[in-house]
Protein backbone atom coordinates (compact mmCIF):
# COMPACT_ATOMS: atom_id res chain seq x y z
CA MET A 1 0.16 -0.25 0.02
CA PRO A 2 1.41 3.59 -1.08
CA ARG A 3 2.51 5.82 1.84
CA PRO A 4 0.28 8.76 2.24
CA ARG A 5 1.30 11.79 0.56
CA SER A 6 3.23 14.56 3.03
CA LEU A 7 1.13 17.44 3.57
CA THR A 8 2.34 20.77 4.96
CA ASP A 9 0.76 23.14 6.96
CA ASP A 10 -0.53 25.54 4.33
CA GLN A 11 -2.20 22.50 2.37
CA LEU A 12 -4.11 21.73 5.35
CA VAL A 13 -4.83 25.61 6.29
CA ALA A 14 -6.69 25.80 2.82
CA ALA A 15 -8.33 22.97 2.84
CA ALA A 16 -9.59 24.04 6.46
CA LEU A 17 -10.74 27.88 4.73
CA ALA A 18 -11.94 26.53 1.83
CA VAL A 19 -14.68 24.14 3.73
CA VAL A 20 -15.45 26.97 6.11
CA ASP A 21 -15.67 29.83 3.70
CA ARG A 22 -17.88 27.54 1.85
CA ASP A 23 -19.62 25.47 3.95
CA GLY A 24 -19.56 27.47 7.37
CA LEU A 25 -17.88 26.89 10.45
CA ALA A 26 -20.35 24.09 11.64
CA ALA A 27 -19.02 22.38 8.64
CA LEU A 28 -15.31 21.80 10.02
CA THR A 29 -14.54 18.23 10.91
CA MET A 30 -11.42 16.35 9.96
CA ARG A 31 -13.42 14.32 7.61
CA ALA A 32 -14.64 16.96 5.70
CA VAL A 33 -11.20 18.24 5.44
CA ALA A 34 -9.82 15.37 4.32
CA ARG A 35 -12.26 15.09 1.77
CA GLU A 36 -10.92 18.58 0.65
CA LEU A 37 -7.53 17.06 0.39
CA GLY A 38 -8.35 13.80 -1.31
CA VAL A 39 -6.98 11.85 1.74
CA ALA A 40 -8.42 9.27 4.00
CA THR A 41 -9.80 10.76 7.49
CA MET A 42 -7.38 8.78 9.60
CA GLY A 43 -4.85 9.94 7.72
CA LEU A 44 -5.06 13.42 8.52
CA TYR A 45 -4.39 12.14 12.32
CA ARG A 46 -1.10 12.25 11.03
CA TYR A 47 -0.63 15.89 10.94
CA VAL A 48 -2.76 16.96 13.30
CA ALA A 49 -4.22 15.90 16.73
CA ASP A 50 -7.76 16.50 16.25
CA ARG A 51 -10.23 19.46 15.52
CA SER A 52 -8.99 21.57 18.03
CA ALA A 53 -5.76 21.93 16.57
CA LEU A 54 -6.22 22.23 13.09
CA GLU A 55 -8.68 25.05 14.43
CA LEU A 56 -5.31 26.71 15.70
CA LEU A 57 -3.33 26.12 12.18
CA VAL A 58 -6.35 28.26 10.59
CA VAL A 59 -6.47 30.97 13.61
CA ASP A 60 -2.38 31.13 13.12
CA HIS A 61 -2.60 31.48 9.07
CA VAL A 62 -4.92 34.17 9.53
CA PHE A 63 -2.65 36.30 12.05
CA ARG A 64 0.56 35.66 10.24
CA THR A 65 -0.99 37.42 7.15
CA VAL A 66 -1.14 40.38 9.26
CA ASP A 67 1.66 42.71 8.09
CA LEU A 68 3.92 44.21 11.16
CA GLU A 69 5.83 46.65 9.52
CA LEU A 70 4.45 49.81 10.74
CA PRO A 71 5.82 53.42 10.12
CA ASP A 72 7.50 55.74 12.50
CA SER A 73 4.02 57.83 13.70
CA SER A 74 2.35 58.02 17.06
CA TRP A 75 1.70 55.41 19.19
CA GLU A 76 -2.31 56.07 18.47
CA ASP A 77 -1.90 56.05 14.55
CA ARG A 78 0.30 52.60 14.82
CA ILE A 79 -2.36 50.87 17.24
CA ARG A 80 -4.86 52.46 14.54
CA LEU A 81 -2.91 50.77 11.59
CA LEU A 82 -2.24 47.66 13.29
CA LEU A 83 -5.81 46.76 14.41
CA ASP A 84 -7.58 47.57 10.91
CA ARG A 85 -4.93 45.52 9.57
CA ILE A 86 -5.99 42.87 11.77
CA ARG A 87 -9.81 43.53 11.08
CA VAL A 88 -9.47 43.41 7.27
CA ALA A 89 -7.06 39.90 7.82
CA VAL A 90 -10.11 38.29 9.66
CA ALA A 91 -12.96 39.70 7.41
CA ARG A 92 -11.71 37.37 4.55
CA HIS A 93 -12.82 34.48 6.31
CA PRO A 94 -15.61 35.94 8.22
CA ALA A 95 -16.47 32.27 9.75
CA VAL A 96 -13.61 32.25 11.76
CA VAL A 97 -14.51 35.05 13.90
CA PRO A 98 -15.70 32.10 17.04
CA LEU A 99 -12.02 31.00 16.26
CA VAL A 100 -10.23 33.76 16.75
CA LEU A 101 -11.94 34.50 19.95
CA ARG A 102 -11.17 30.87 21.07
CA HIS A 103 -7.75 30.38 20.13
CA ARG A 104 -6.39 34.13 19.99
CA GLN A 105 -3.52 33.27 23.24
CA ALA A 106 -2.50 30.11 21.81
CA ALA A 107 -1.57 30.88 18.24
CA PRO A 108 2.20 32.11 17.67
CA GLY A 109 1.00 34.58 15.34
CA SER A 110 -1.55 36.22 17.73
CA LEU A 111 1.29 36.66 20.24
CA ARG A 112 3.47 38.49 17.53
CA LEU A 113 0.84 40.48 17.25
CA ILE A 114 0.75 41.48 20.94
CA GLU A 115 4.31 41.93 21.44
CA THR A 116 3.69 44.63 18.33
CA MET A 117 0.99 46.29 20.13
CA LEU A 118 2.71 46.36 23.49
CA GLU A 119 5.70 47.74 21.63
CA ALA A 120 3.51 51.17 20.28
CA LEU A 121 1.65 51.26 23.90
CA THR A 122 5.37 51.34 25.64
CA ASP A 123 6.48 53.98 23.11
CA GLY A 124 3.17 55.97 24.17
CA GLY A 125 4.21 56.00 27.97
CA PHE A 126 2.33 52.78 29.30
CA THR A 127 3.90 50.54 31.45
CA GLY A 128 2.83 48.04 34.37
CA THR A 129 -0.81 48.06 34.86
CA GLU A 130 -1.66 50.92 32.91
CA ARG A 131 -0.25 49.15 29.63
CA VAL A 132 -2.04 45.85 30.62
CA LEU A 133 -5.69 47.41 30.72
CA ALA A 134 -4.57 49.48 27.95
CA GLN A 135 -3.89 46.46 25.81
CA ARG A 136 -6.90 44.52 27.27
CA THR A 137 -9.04 47.55 26.10
CA LEU A 138 -8.02 47.59 22.84
CA ILE A 139 -8.39 44.04 22.06
CA GLY A 140 -12.22 44.14 23.84
CA HIS A 141 -12.88 46.91 21.40
CA LEU A 142 -11.34 44.50 18.22
CA LEU A 143 -13.21 41.57 18.92
CA GLY A 144 -16.41 43.24 19.97
CA PHE A 145 -16.48 44.75 16.71
CA LEU A 146 -15.59 41.37 14.70
CA GLN A 147 -18.58 39.83 16.36
CA ASN A 148 -20.57 42.98 15.82
CA GLU A 149 -19.81 42.91 12.20
CA HIS A 150 -20.34 39.52 11.47
CA HIS A 151 -22.69 38.09 13.54
CA ALA A 152 -24.67 41.47 14.36
CA ALA A 153 -23.85 44.18 11.74
CA LEU A 154 -25.56 47.30 12.18
CA SER A 155 -27.12 46.74 8.71
CA GLY A 156 -28.13 43.15 9.56
CA PRO A 157 -31.63 42.13 10.48
CA GLY A 158 -31.46 42.91 13.75
CA THR A 159 -30.92 46.63 13.54
CA ILE A 160 -33.24 46.74 11.34
CA VAL A 161 -35.85 44.96 13.27
CA MET A 162 -35.35 47.62 16.44
CA SER A 163 -35.62 50.43 13.75
CA GLU A 164 -39.28 49.64 13.02
CA LEU A 165 -40.07 49.83 16.62
CA SER A 166 -43.30 51.78 18.03
CA PRO A 167 -41.40 54.98 18.56
CA ASP A 168 -43.83 55.62 21.47
CA ASP A 169 -42.52 52.78 23.26
CA TYR A 170 -39.27 52.84 22.45
CA PRO A 171 -38.41 56.29 21.18
CA LEU A 172 -34.87 56.34 21.74
CA LEU A 173 -34.21 53.08 20.45
CA ALA A 174 -35.79 53.21 17.24
CA ARG A 175 -34.37 56.55 16.68
CA THR A 176 -30.63 55.09 17.14
CA ALA A 177 -31.27 51.97 15.12
CA ALA A 178 -32.24 53.92 12.27
CA ASP A 179 -29.43 55.61 12.29
CA ALA A 180 -27.40 53.19 12.89
CA ARG A 181 -28.36 51.72 9.45
CA SER A 182 -26.17 54.31 7.51
CA VAL A 183 -23.17 53.88 9.61
CA PRO A 184 -20.80 51.63 6.90
CA PRO A 185 -18.45 49.23 9.02
CA ASP A 186 -15.01 51.16 8.55
CA GLU A 187 -16.71 54.38 9.77
CA GLU A 188 -17.96 51.98 12.86
CA PHE A 189 -14.29 50.45 13.80
CA ARG A 190 -12.49 53.52 13.13
CA ARG A 191 -14.54 56.12 15.15
CA GLY A 192 -15.06 53.35 18.20
CA LEU A 193 -11.41 53.05 18.14
CA ASP A 194 -10.59 56.96 18.25
CA ILE A 195 -13.19 57.10 21.52
CA VAL A 196 -10.87 54.42 22.99
CA LEU A 197 -7.85 56.08 21.80
CA ARG A 198 -8.81 59.37 23.46
CA GLY A 199 -9.60 57.85 26.73
CA LEU A 200 -6.64 56.20 26.65
CA SER A 201 -4.60 59.09 25.75
CA SER A 202 -6.29 61.47 28.64
CA ARG A 203 -5.08 59.00 31.29
């Protein structure tokens, strides 16, 4: 019996992303990825221990596509650019957002991004606990936005329903939801990040 062909991590990731992009995250199984690669399911276990290990490879790949070269500019502008690059990288495969939340602290590519972010914050004068809280606040904005953009977008059905509520019962919610429908995702992310950065800058 011929020995199964060798597979690289890049091939595994490409197959996993093909499955997720086409059929959704729920379809990501060892069997589905093996079928995408044209190998037996059991043969796939020679390369990854289980689905969780496969997910980690996918998340690491997404993070490693982010360009870490930042211009010599203010710490705020470097943070803006870095977080926007992360947002764009994840948006190429929106179904992986839950995996990003689940594995972001284990993926080596994520650790490199965090180190780059901490360098910018350090240049901004953040140290100790202040740096911890600043970094966590920025990550919270990014992850919250990714969830909203891909699972509860302002232009999505939830906002549409809220904008059609009775203004007598929900005057502020109905008006706010109607206003929200006109905000593009890029504007929502960048203006929200500006609010966070202004708060951090005024510490």
